[in-house]
Amino acid sequence: MSPLRAEKPAPGPHERPLFLREVIASMPQGARVLDAGCGPGSWPHPLRPDLDITAFDIKFPPGPPRRGRLVHVFRGDLARLPLRDDLFDLTVCHYVLEHVSELAACCDELARVTRPGGQLYLSVPRAAAFDDRLYRFAGYFAKYGLMKLKKRLEHQQRFDFQGLVEMFYARGLRLTATARVPAGFSWMNDPRTKPLQGAFTNTLATLHRATGLDLARDANFVFTFEKVGEVGLRTVTNVCRECGEHAIVTGEGSSWTCPYCQKQNPFGRERPAGSPGDADR
């Protein structure tokens, strides 16, 4: 049995930079980068002192990032940014969208401030994963079990792969790379849960070794998108039972005629085709 060793992930010869430090390292000198919902900094900003970084958050509990000649920091709301269109070469949104209450408006803003041809880096928890469910349970327990009724539930949004990709395809972005990332349970570094973190993660690792049950697996999504300016999400409402072609059927009645083969098809109720992205609004 070979000893354990850990290496930094690195893109292969035909792979794009995906993880945050890779994406930051790949940016050209002088690139404009937005750190959206930055907290103390989504990455160590001094790693690339040659980047023109704008960072904001709605609050800074551990303190804001250190300002510098090319590091501009302000307090702001992701749903309504005081920034002009098409401004940034890279927009970073690192574990932020799960916390927002106005999801559609925040996604609109992320797309709006990214320049055509620019990149959006995005990471969010996967709603079906044990880690996200545990985090939500802890929030509900603190609010209702401990009667902290004024406490805000931190995870306001739930994400799956298809729904999240569709949100940004509807806003003129195209997926360029993605990965599922296991849980590290770093959210337990909070002083209230830190005393439990070591025993908890050790127990999960022991359970994984002993039974193969991996409760940390596939806990998060990481994405990079390119702003292409074309909406990549389309909808149809019905498919013909005879020829298999797509149709958009509106109105009322019990049958519809296929616009391709002219055969009749049964009709239940109208399915709204809607506008791309309506599902997240």
C-alpha atoms as a PDB file:
ATOM      1  CA  MET A   1       0.000   0.000   0.000  1.00  0.00           C
ATOM      2  CA  SER A   2       1.447   3.345  -1.068  1.00  0.00           C
ATOM      3  CA  PRO A   3       1.475   6.228   1.423  1.00  0.00           C
ATOM      4  CA  LEU A   4      -1.052   9.026   1.061  1.00  0.00           C
ATOM      5  CA  ARG A   5       0.014  12.180  -0.683  1.00  0.00           C
ATOM      6  CA  ALA A   6      -1.889  15.295  -1.679  1.00  0.00           C
ATOM      7  CA  GLU A   7      -1.215  17.504  -4.687  1.00  0.00           C
ATOM      8  CA  LYS A   8      -2.695  20.745  -5.906  1.00  0.00           C
ATOM      9  CA  PRO A   9      -5.137  20.204  -8.774  1.00  0.00           C
ATOM     10  CA  ALA A  10      -3.791  21.424 -12.098  1.00  0.00           C
ATOM     11  CA  PRO A  11      -5.427  21.493 -15.537  1.00  0.00           C
ATOM     12  CA  GLY A  12      -4.208  18.842 -17.960  1.00  0.00           C
ATOM     13  CA  PRO A  13      -3.063  19.581 -21.511  1.00  0.00           C
ATOM     14  CA  HIS A  14      -6.630  19.703 -22.864  1.00  0.00           C
ATOM     15  CA  GLU A  15      -8.358  21.055 -19.749  1.00  0.00           C
ATOM     16  CA  ARG A  16      -9.359  24.626 -18.952  1.00  0.00           C
ATOM     17  CA  PRO A  17      -8.557  26.359 -15.665  1.00  0.00           C
ATOM     18  CA  LEU A  18     -11.549  25.749 -13.403  1.00  0.00           C
ATOM     19  CA  PHE A  19     -10.753  25.976  -9.702  1.00  0.00           C
ATOM     20  CA  LEU A  20     -10.506  29.467  -8.292  1.00  0.00           C
ATOM     21  CA  ARG A  21      -6.741  29.763  -7.868  1.00  0.00           C
ATOM     22  CA  GLU A  22      -6.213  28.302 -11.351  1.00  0.00           C
ATOM     23  CA  VAL A  23      -8.590  30.830 -12.878  1.00  0.00           C
ATOM     24  CA  ILE A  24      -6.939  33.701 -11.021  1.00  0.00           C
ATOM     25  CA  ALA A  25      -3.482  32.513 -12.099  1.00  0.00           C
ATOM     26  CA  SER A  26      -4.608  32.336 -15.745  1.00  0.00           C
ATOM     27  CA  MET A  27      -5.722  35.974 -15.961  1.00  0.00           C
ATOM     28  CA  PRO A  28      -3.511  38.380 -17.923  1.00  0.00           C
ATOM     29  CA  GLN A  29      -1.759  41.270 -16.235  1.00  0.00           C
ATOM     30  CA  GLY A  30      -4.077  44.223 -15.604  1.00  0.00           C
ATOM     31  CA  ALA A  31      -7.281  42.203 -15.998  1.00  0.00           C
ATOM     32  CA  ARG A  32     -10.316  43.598 -14.214  1.00  0.00           C
ATOM     33  CA  VAL A  33     -11.698  41.135 -11.666  1.00  0.00           C
ATOM     34  CA  LEU A  34     -14.847  41.405  -9.532  1.00  0.00           C
ATOM     35  CA  ASP A  35     -14.912  39.533  -6.210  1.00  0.00           C
ATOM     36  CA  ALA A  36     -18.665  39.396  -5.617  1.00  0.00           C
ATOM     37  CA  GLY A  37     -19.747  38.717  -2.040  1.00  0.00           C
ATOM     38  CA  CYS A  38     -16.093  38.704  -1.077  1.00  0.00           C
ATOM     39  CA  GLY A  39     -16.147  38.469   2.728  1.00  0.00           C
ATOM     40  CA  PRO A  40     -12.475  38.871   3.713  1.00  0.00           C
ATOM     41  CA  GLY A  41     -11.530  37.889   0.141  1.00  0.00           C
ATOM     42  CA  SER A  42     -12.577  34.877  -1.930  1.00  0.00           C
ATOM     43  CA  TRP A  43      -8.877  34.196  -2.538  1.00  0.00           C
ATOM     44  CA  PRO A  44      -5.719  35.877  -1.202  1.00  0.00           C
ATOM     45  CA  HIS A  45      -5.710  39.026  -3.335  1.00  0.00           C
ATOM     46  CA  PRO A  46      -1.938  39.597  -2.912  1.00  0.00           C
ATOM     47  CA  LEU A  47      -1.310  36.435  -4.962  1.00  0.00           C
ATOM     48  CA  ARG A  48      -1.882  38.596  -8.062  1.00  0.00           C
ATOM     49  CA  PRO A  49      -1.010  42.211  -7.206  1.00  0.00           C
ATOM     50  CA  ASP A  50      -1.083  43.022 -10.941  1.00  0.00           C
ATOM     51  CA  LEU A  51      -4.852  42.447 -11.233  1.00  0.00           C
ATOM     52  CA  ASP A  52      -7.325  45.328 -10.944  1.00  0.00           C
ATOM     53  CA  ILE A  53      -9.671  43.918  -8.287  1.00  0.00           C
ATOM     54  CA  THR A  54     -13.031  45.292  -7.166  1.00  0.00           C
ATOM     55  CA  ALA A  55     -14.458  43.529  -4.106  1.00  0.00           C
ATOM     56  CA  PHE A  56     -17.754  44.010  -2.286  1.00  0.00           C
ATOM     57  CA  ASP A  57     -20.083  42.371   0.188  1.00  0.00           C
ATOM     58  CA  ILE A  58     -23.289  43.329   1.932  1.00  0.00           C
ATOM     59  CA  LYS A  59     -21.482  42.951   5.270  1.00  0.00           C
ATOM     60  CA  PHE A  60     -17.970  42.089   6.421  1.00  0.00           C
ATOM     61  CA  PRO A  61     -18.216  40.026   9.646  1.00  0.00           C
ATOM     62  CA  PRO A  62     -14.500  39.081   9.730  1.00  0.00           C
ATOM     63  CA  GLY A  63     -13.481  42.410   8.201  1.00  0.00           C
ATOM     64  CA  PRO A  64     -13.157  43.472   4.536  1.00  0.00           C
ATOM     65  CA  PRO A  65     -10.223  42.651   2.274  1.00  0.00           C
ATOM     66  CA  ARG A  66      -7.221  44.938   2.596  1.00  0.00           C
ATOM     67  CA  ARG A  67      -7.436  47.810   0.165  1.00  0.00           C
ATOM     68  CA  GLY A  68      -4.520  48.501  -2.139  1.00  0.00           C
ATOM     69  CA  ARG A  69      -3.493  50.450  -5.206  1.00  0.00           C
ATOM     70  CA  LEU A  70      -5.431  48.007  -7.399  1.00  0.00           C
ATOM     71  CA  VAL A  71      -7.849  46.608  -4.793  1.00  0.00           C
ATOM     72  CA  HIS A  72     -11.073  48.616  -4.481  1.00  0.00           C
ATOM     73  CA  VAL A  73     -13.559  47.612  -1.764  1.00  0.00           C
ATOM     74  CA  PHE A  74     -17.113  48.788  -1.157  1.00  0.00           C
ATOM     75  CA  ARG A  75     -20.246  47.687   0.645  1.00  0.00           C
ATOM     76  CA  GLY A  76     -23.020  46.715  -1.774  1.00  0.00           C
ATOM     77  CA  ASP A  77     -25.893  44.421  -2.650  1.00  0.00           C
ATOM     78  CA  LEU A  78     -25.347  41.870  -5.424  1.00  0.00           C
ATOM     79  CA  ALA A  79     -28.942  42.336  -6.579  1.00  0.00           C
ATOM     80  CA  ARG A  80     -28.336  46.015  -7.450  1.00  0.00           C
ATOM     81  CA  LEU A  81     -24.728  46.866  -8.185  1.00  0.00           C
ATOM     82  CA  PRO A  82     -23.565  50.467  -8.769  1.00  0.00           C
ATOM     83  CA  LEU A  83     -21.304  49.301 -11.604  1.00  0.00           C
ATOM     84  CA  ARG A  84     -21.525  49.855 -15.350  1.00  0.00           C
ATOM     85  CA  ASP A  85     -22.251  47.119 -17.873  1.00  0.00           C
ATOM     86  CA  ASP A  86     -19.576  44.862 -19.395  1.00  0.00           C
ATOM     87  CA  LEU A  87     -16.886  45.997 -16.950  1.00  0.00           C
ATOM     88  CA  PHE A  88     -15.020  42.878 -15.793  1.00  0.00           C
ATOM     89  CA  ASP A  89     -12.819  40.334 -17.525  1.00  0.00           C
ATOM     90  CA  LEU A  90     -13.548  37.890 -14.700  1.00  0.00           C
ATOM     91  CA  THR A  91     -16.424  37.859 -12.227  1.00  0.00           C
ATOM     92  CA  VAL A  92     -15.952  35.614  -9.186  1.00  0.00           C
ATOM     93  CA  CYS A  93     -18.963  34.452  -7.143  1.00  0.00           C
ATOM     94  CA  HIS A  94     -17.557  31.953  -4.644  1.00  0.00           C
ATOM     95  CA  TYR A  95     -20.216  30.299  -2.444  1.00  0.00           C
ATOM     96  CA  VAL A  96     -22.470  33.360  -2.440  1.00  0.00           C
ATOM     97  CA  LEU A  97     -25.653  32.618  -4.409  1.00  0.00           C
ATOM     98  CA  GLU A  98     -26.969  30.112  -1.854  1.00  0.00           C
ATOM     99  CA  HIS A  99     -27.207  33.010   0.637  1.00  0.00           C
ATOM    100  CA  VAL A 100     -29.129  35.544  -1.473  1.00  0.00           C
ATOM    101  CA  SER A 101     -32.865  36.138  -1.318  1.00  0.00           C
ATOM    102  CA  GLU A 102     -33.231  37.729  -4.778  1.00  0.00           C
ATOM    103  CA  LEU A 103     -31.662  35.038  -6.934  1.00  0.00           C
ATOM    104  CA  ALA A 104     -32.835  36.188 -10.369  1.00  0.00           C
ATOM    105  CA  ALA A 105     -31.704  39.780  -9.791  1.00  0.00           C
ATOM    106  CA  CYS A 106     -28.301  38.608  -8.558  1.00  0.00           C
ATOM    107  CA  CYS A 107     -27.798  36.392 -11.615  1.00  0.00           C
ATOM    108  CA  ASP A 108     -28.829  39.293 -13.849  1.00  0.00           C
ATOM    109  CA  GLU A 109     -26.156  41.471 -12.250  1.00  0.00           C
ATOM    110  CA  LEU A 110     -23.407  38.857 -12.516  1.00  0.00           C
ATOM    111  CA  ALA A 111     -24.110  38.548 -16.238  1.00  0.00           C
ATOM    112  CA  ARG A 112     -24.502  42.290 -16.765  1.00  0.00           C
ATOM    113  CA  VAL A 113     -21.162  43.391 -15.333  1.00  0.00           C
ATOM    114  CA  THR A 114     -19.136  40.665 -17.092  1.00  0.00           C
ATOM    115  CA  ARG A 115     -17.774  41.854 -20.446  1.00  0.00           C
ATOM    116  CA  PRO A 116     -18.525  39.968 -23.683  1.00  0.00           C
ATOM    117  CA  GLY A 117     -15.951  37.197 -23.922  1.00  0.00           C
ATOM    118  CA  GLY A 118     -15.271  37.491 -20.180  1.00  0.00           C
ATOM    119  CA  GLN A 119     -15.518  34.713 -17.625  1.00  0.00           C
ATOM    120  CA  LEU A 120     -17.819  34.016 -14.700  1.00  0.00           C
ATOM    121  CA  TYR A 121     -16.460  31.728 -11.984  1.00  0.00           C
ATOM    122  CA  LEU A 122     -19.216  30.272  -9.818  1.00  0.00           C
ATOM    123  CA  SER A 123     -19.315  27.826  -6.911  1.00  0.00           C
ATOM    124  CA  VAL A 124     -22.420  26.709  -4.990  1.00  0.00           C
ATOM    125  CA  PRO A 125     -23.449  23.793  -2.760  1.00  0.00           C
ATOM    126  CA  ARG A 126     -25.404  20.911  -4.307  1.00  0.00           C
ATOM    127  CA  ALA A 127     -28.798  20.801  -2.624  1.00  0.00           C
ATOM    128  CA  ALA A 128     -29.038  16.992  -2.643  1.00  0.00           C
ATOM    129  CA  ALA A 129     -25.691  16.538  -0.863  1.00  0.00           C
ATOM    130  CA  PHE A 130     -25.363  15.565   2.792  1.00  0.00           C
ATOM    131  CA  ASP A 131     -23.256  18.657   3.517  1.00  0.00           C
ATOM    132  CA  ASP A 132     -25.912  21.134   2.364  1.00  0.00           C
ATOM    133  CA  ARG A 133     -28.662  19.229   4.166  1.00  0.00           C
ATOM    134  CA  LEU A 134     -26.625  19.198   7.368  1.00  0.00           C
ATOM    135  CA  TYR A 135     -25.957  22.946   7.069  1.00  0.00           C
ATOM    136  CA  ARG A 136     -29.672  23.612   6.611  1.00  0.00           C
ATOM    137  CA  PHE A 137     -30.570  21.362   9.548  1.00  0.00           C
ATOM    138  CA  ALA A 138     -28.102  23.245  11.758  1.00  0.00           C
ATOM    139  CA  GLY A 139     -29.694  26.526  10.700  1.00  0.00           C
ATOM    140  CA  TYR A 140     -33.224  25.343  11.396  1.00  0.00           C
ATOM    141  CA  PHE A 141     -32.175  23.856  14.737  1.00  0.00           C
ATOM    142  CA  ALA A 142     -30.528  27.106  15.821  1.00  0.00           C
ATOM    143  CA  LYS A 143     -33.536  29.176  14.739  1.00  0.00           C
ATOM    144  CA  TYR A 144     -36.385  27.012  16.023  1.00  0.00           C
ATOM    145  CA  GLY A 145     -34.837  24.454  18.388  1.00  0.00           C
ATOM    146  CA  LEU A 146     -32.795  27.066  20.258  1.00  0.00           C
ATOM    147  CA  MET A 147     -35.541  29.678  19.787  1.00  0.00           C
ATOM    148  CA  LYS A 148     -33.288  32.190  17.999  1.00  0.00           C
ATOM    149  CA  LEU A 149     -36.283  33.293  15.996  1.00  0.00           C
ATOM    150  CA  LYS A 150     -34.662  36.462  14.638  1.00  0.00           C
ATOM    151  CA  LYS A 151     -31.793  34.466  13.126  1.00  0.00           C
ATOM    152  CA  ARG A 152     -31.667  34.500   9.321  1.00  0.00           C
ATOM    153  CA  LEU A 153     -31.473  31.100   7.628  1.00  0.00           C
ATOM    154  CA  GLU A 154     -28.232  31.416   5.679  1.00  0.00           C
ATOM    155  CA  HIS A 155     -28.909  29.027   2.794  1.00  0.00           C
ATOM    156  CA  GLN A 156     -31.820  30.655   1.004  1.00  0.00           C
ATOM    157  CA  GLN A 157     -31.422  28.835  -2.342  1.00  0.00           C
ATOM    158  CA  ARG A 158     -31.158  25.210  -3.476  1.00  0.00           C
ATOM    159  CA  PHE A 159     -29.222  24.239  -6.594  1.00  0.00           C
ATOM    160  CA  ASP A 160     -29.054  21.316  -8.983  1.00  0.00           C
ATOM    161  CA  PHE A 161     -26.846  21.118 -12.063  1.00  0.00           C
ATOM    162  CA  GLN A 162     -29.462  21.601 -14.770  1.00  0.00           C
ATOM    163  CA  GLY A 163     -31.291  24.434 -13.064  1.00  0.00           C
ATOM    164  CA  LEU A 164     -28.138  26.406 -12.403  1.00  0.00           C
ATOM    165  CA  VAL A 165     -26.731  25.999 -15.910  1.00  0.00           C
ATOM    166  CA  GLU A 166     -30.072  27.021 -17.415  1.00  0.00           C
ATOM    167  CA  MET A 167     -30.120  30.195 -15.306  1.00  0.00           C
ATOM    168  CA  PHE A 168     -26.923  31.410 -16.935  1.00  0.00           C
ATOM    169  CA  TYR A 169     -27.619  30.066 -20.429  1.00  0.00           C
ATOM    170  CA  ALA A 170     -30.741  32.223 -20.253  1.00  0.00           C
ATOM    171  CA  ARG A 171     -28.516  35.227 -19.572  1.00  0.00           C
ATOM    172  CA  GLY A 172     -26.166  34.827 -22.505  1.00  0.00           C
ATOM    173  CA  LEU A 173     -23.422  32.744 -20.870  1.00  0.00           C
ATOM    174  CA  ARG A 174     -22.058  29.355 -21.936  1.00  0.00           C
ATOM    175  CA  LEU A 175     -20.600  26.659 -19.690  1.00  0.00           C
ATOM    176  CA  THR A 176     -16.885  26.097 -20.325  1.00  0.00           C
ATOM    177  CA  ALA A 177     -15.828  23.815 -17.439  1.00  0.00           C
ATOM    178  CA  THR A 178     -17.357  22.184 -14.373  1.00  0.00           C
ATOM    179  CA  ALA A 179     -16.601  19.808 -11.507  1.00  0.00           C
ATOM    180  CA  ARG A 180     -18.279  18.307  -8.474  1.00  0.00           C
ATOM    181  CA  VAL A 181     -16.242  18.918  -5.333  1.00  0.00           C
ATOM    182  CA  PRO A 182     -16.461  16.964  -2.054  1.00  0.00           C
ATOM    183  CA  ALA A 183     -17.235  18.628   1.246  1.00  0.00           C
ATOM    184  CA  GLY A 184     -14.428  19.813   3.486  1.00  0.00           C
ATOM    185  CA  PHE A 185     -16.872  21.028   6.175  1.00  0.00           C
ATOM    186  CA  SER A 186     -14.856  24.227   6.463  1.00  0.00           C
ATOM    187  CA  TRP A 187     -18.065  26.027   7.465  1.00  0.00           C
ATOM    188  CA  MET A 188     -17.550  24.318  10.825  1.00  0.00           C
ATOM    189  CA  ASN A 189     -14.601  26.665  11.439  1.00  0.00           C
ATOM    190  CA  ASP A 190     -17.236  28.936  12.950  1.00  0.00           C
ATOM    191  CA  PRO A 191     -16.352  29.268  16.662  1.00  0.00           C
ATOM    192  CA  ARG A 192     -19.705  27.733  17.585  1.00  0.00           C
ATOM    193  CA  THR A 193     -19.029  24.484  15.682  1.00  0.00           C
ATOM    194  CA  LYS A 194     -15.223  24.376  15.639  1.00  0.00           C
ATOM    195  CA  PRO A 195     -15.044  22.151  18.759  1.00  0.00           C
ATOM    196  CA  LEU A 196     -17.095  19.517  16.867  1.00  0.00           C
ATOM    197  CA  GLN A 197     -15.264  19.704  13.538  1.00  0.00           C
ATOM    198  CA  GLY A 198     -12.354  17.358  14.249  1.00  0.00           C
ATOM    199  CA  ALA A 199     -14.389  14.522  15.754  1.00  0.00           C
ATOM    200  CA  PHE A 200     -17.110  14.908  13.122  1.00  0.00           C
ATOM    201  CA  THR A 201     -14.819  14.795  10.067  1.00  0.00           C
ATOM    202  CA  ASN A 202     -12.745  11.976  11.595  1.00  0.00           C
ATOM    203  CA  THR A 203     -15.944   9.973  12.066  1.00  0.00           C
ATOM    204  CA  LEU A 204     -16.990  10.528   8.458  1.00  0.00           C
ATOM    205  CA  ALA A 205     -13.575   9.396   7.217  1.00  0.00           C
ATOM    206  CA  THR A 206     -13.726   6.282   9.417  1.00  0.00           C
ATOM    207  CA  LEU A 207     -17.217   5.478   8.126  1.00  0.00           C
ATOM    208  CA  HIS A 208     -15.989   5.881   4.538  1.00  0.00           C
ATOM    209  CA  ARG A 209     -13.027   3.527   5.099  1.00  0.00           C
ATOM    210  CA  ALA A 210     -15.095   0.929   6.920  1.00  0.00           C
ATOM    211  CA  THR A 211     -18.245   0.824   4.797  1.00  0.00           C
ATOM    212  CA  GLY A 212     -17.591   2.744   1.584  1.00  0.00           C
ATOM    213  CA  LEU A 213     -20.322   5.244   2.493  1.00  0.00           C
ATOM    214  CA  ASP A 214     -18.970   8.647   1.457  1.00  0.00           C
ATOM    215  CA  LEU A 215     -21.110  11.395   2.966  1.00  0.00           C
ATOM    216  CA  ALA A 216     -18.734  14.109   1.752  1.00  0.00           C
ATOM    217  CA  ARG A 217     -18.965  13.151  -1.934  1.00  0.00           C
ATOM    218  CA  ASP A 218     -20.175  15.559  -4.641  1.00  0.00           C
ATOM    219  CA  ALA A 219     -21.156  18.261  -2.164  1.00  0.00           C
ATOM    220  CA  ASN A 220     -20.519  21.319  -4.351  1.00  0.00           C
ATOM    221  CA  PHE A 221     -20.595  22.496  -7.959  1.00  0.00           C
ATOM    222  CA  VAL A 222     -17.820  24.587  -9.499  1.00  0.00           C
ATOM    223  CA  PHE A 223     -18.404  26.229 -12.885  1.00  0.00           C
ATOM    224  CA  THR A 224     -16.782  28.581 -15.322  1.00  0.00           C
ATOM    225  CA  PHE A 225     -18.904  30.313 -17.943  1.00  0.00           C
ATOM    226  CA  GLU A 226     -18.044  32.537 -20.875  1.00  0.00           C
ATOM    227  CA  LYS A 227     -20.267  35.490 -21.741  1.00  0.00           C
ATOM    228  CA  VAL A 228     -21.175  34.897 -25.381  1.00  0.00           C
ATOM    229  CA  GLY A 229     -24.158  37.232 -25.611  1.00  0.00           C
ATOM    230  CA  GLU A 230     -26.480  34.624 -27.095  1.00  0.00           C
ATOM    231  CA  VAL A 231     -29.262  32.978 -25.134  1.00  0.00           C
ATOM    232  CA  GLY A 232     -28.537  29.255 -25.074  1.00  0.00           C
ATOM    233  CA  LEU A 233     -31.816  28.104 -23.521  1.00  0.00           C
ATOM    234  CA  ARG A 234     -34.897  27.291 -25.603  1.00  0.00           C
ATOM    235  CA  THR A 235     -38.261  25.732 -24.737  1.00  0.00           C
ATOM    236  CA  VAL A 236     -40.915  23.645 -26.482  1.00  0.00           C
ATOM    237  CA  THR A 237     -44.259  22.575 -25.031  1.00  0.00           C
ATOM    238  CA  ASN A 238     -45.216  19.418 -26.930  1.00  0.00           C
ATOM    239  CA  VAL A 239     -43.809  16.615 -29.103  1.00  0.00           C
ATOM    240  CA  CYS A 240     -45.804  14.939 -31.888  1.00  0.00           C
ATOM    241  CA  ARG A 241     -46.608  11.279 -31.189  1.00  0.00           C
ATOM    242  CA  GLU A 242     -46.448  10.433 -34.895  1.00  0.00           C
ATOM    243  CA  CYS A 243     -43.284  12.098 -36.231  1.00  0.00           C
ATOM    244  CA  GLY A 244     -41.531  13.093 -33.011  1.00  0.00           C
ATOM    245  CA  GLU A 245     -41.082  16.745 -34.009  1.00  0.00           C
ATOM    246  CA  HIS A 246     -41.242  19.620 -31.524  1.00  0.00           C
ATOM    247  CA  ALA A 247     -44.036  22.159 -31.295  1.00  0.00           C
ATOM    248  CA  ILE A 248     -45.184  25.094 -29.216  1.00  0.00           C
ATOM    249  CA  VAL A 249     -48.894  24.652 -28.603  1.00  0.00           C
ATOM    250  CA  THR A 250     -51.059  27.415 -27.153  1.00  0.00           C
ATOM    251  CA  GLY A 251     -54.780  27.861 -26.590  1.00  0.00           C
ATOM    252  CA  GLU A 252     -57.524  25.528 -25.453  1.00  0.00           C
ATOM    253  CA  GLY A 253     -58.937  22.298 -26.828  1.00  0.00           C
ATOM    254  CA  SER A 254     -58.572  18.531 -26.715  1.00  0.00           C
ATOM    255  CA  SER A 255     -56.242  17.992 -29.704  1.00  0.00           C
ATOM    256  CA  TRP A 256     -53.571  19.821 -31.711  1.00  0.00           C
ATOM    257  CA  THR A 257     -52.316  19.401 -35.243  1.00  0.00           C
ATOM    258  CA  CYS A 258     -48.610  18.829 -35.775  1.00  0.00           C
ATOM    259  CA  PRO A 259     -47.155  21.668 -37.908  1.00  0.00           C
ATOM    260  CA  TYR A 260     -44.792  19.151 -39.591  1.00  0.00           C
ATOM    261  CA  CYS A 261     -46.806  16.004 -40.405  1.00  0.00           C
ATOM    262  CA  GLN A 262     -50.327  17.446 -39.914  1.00  0.00           C
ATOM    263  CA  LYS A 263     -51.357  14.508 -37.666  1.00  0.00           C
ATOM    264  CA  GLN A 264     -53.598  14.974 -34.656  1.00  0.00           C
ATOM    265  CA  ASN A 265     -52.293  14.730 -31.098  1.00  0.00           C
ATOM    266  CA  PRO A 266     -54.225  14.674 -27.820  1.00  0.00           C
ATOM    267  CA  PHE A 267     -53.996  17.780 -25.654  1.00  0.00           C
ATOM    268  CA  GLY A 268     -54.260  18.117 -21.899  1.00  0.00           C
ATOM    269  CA  ARG A 269     -53.536  21.613 -20.660  1.00  0.00           C
ATOM    270  CA  GLU A 270     -51.421  24.427 -22.021  1.00  0.00           C
ATOM    271  CA  ARG A 271     -47.812  24.293 -20.898  1.00  0.00           C
ATOM    272  CA  PRO A 272     -46.400  27.812 -20.768  1.00  0.00           C
ATOM    273  CA  ALA A 273     -43.348  28.072 -23.000  1.00  0.00           C
ATOM    274  CA  GLY A 274     -42.324  31.166 -21.065  1.00  0.00           C
ATOM    275  CA  SER A 275     -39.159  33.108 -21.490  1.00  0.00           C
ATOM    276  CA  PRO A 276     -35.808  31.443 -20.911  1.00  0.00           C
ATOM    277  CA  GLY A 277     -34.935  31.700 -17.265  1.00  0.00           C
ATOM    278  CA  ASP A 278     -38.525  32.045 -16.034  1.00  0.00           C
ATOM    279  CA  ALA A 279     -38.087  29.001 -13.808  1.00  0.00           C
ATOM    280  CA  ASP A 280     -35.730  30.871 -11.520  1.00  0.00           C
ATOM    281  CA  ARG A 281     -37.801  34.023 -11.205  1.00  0.00           C
END
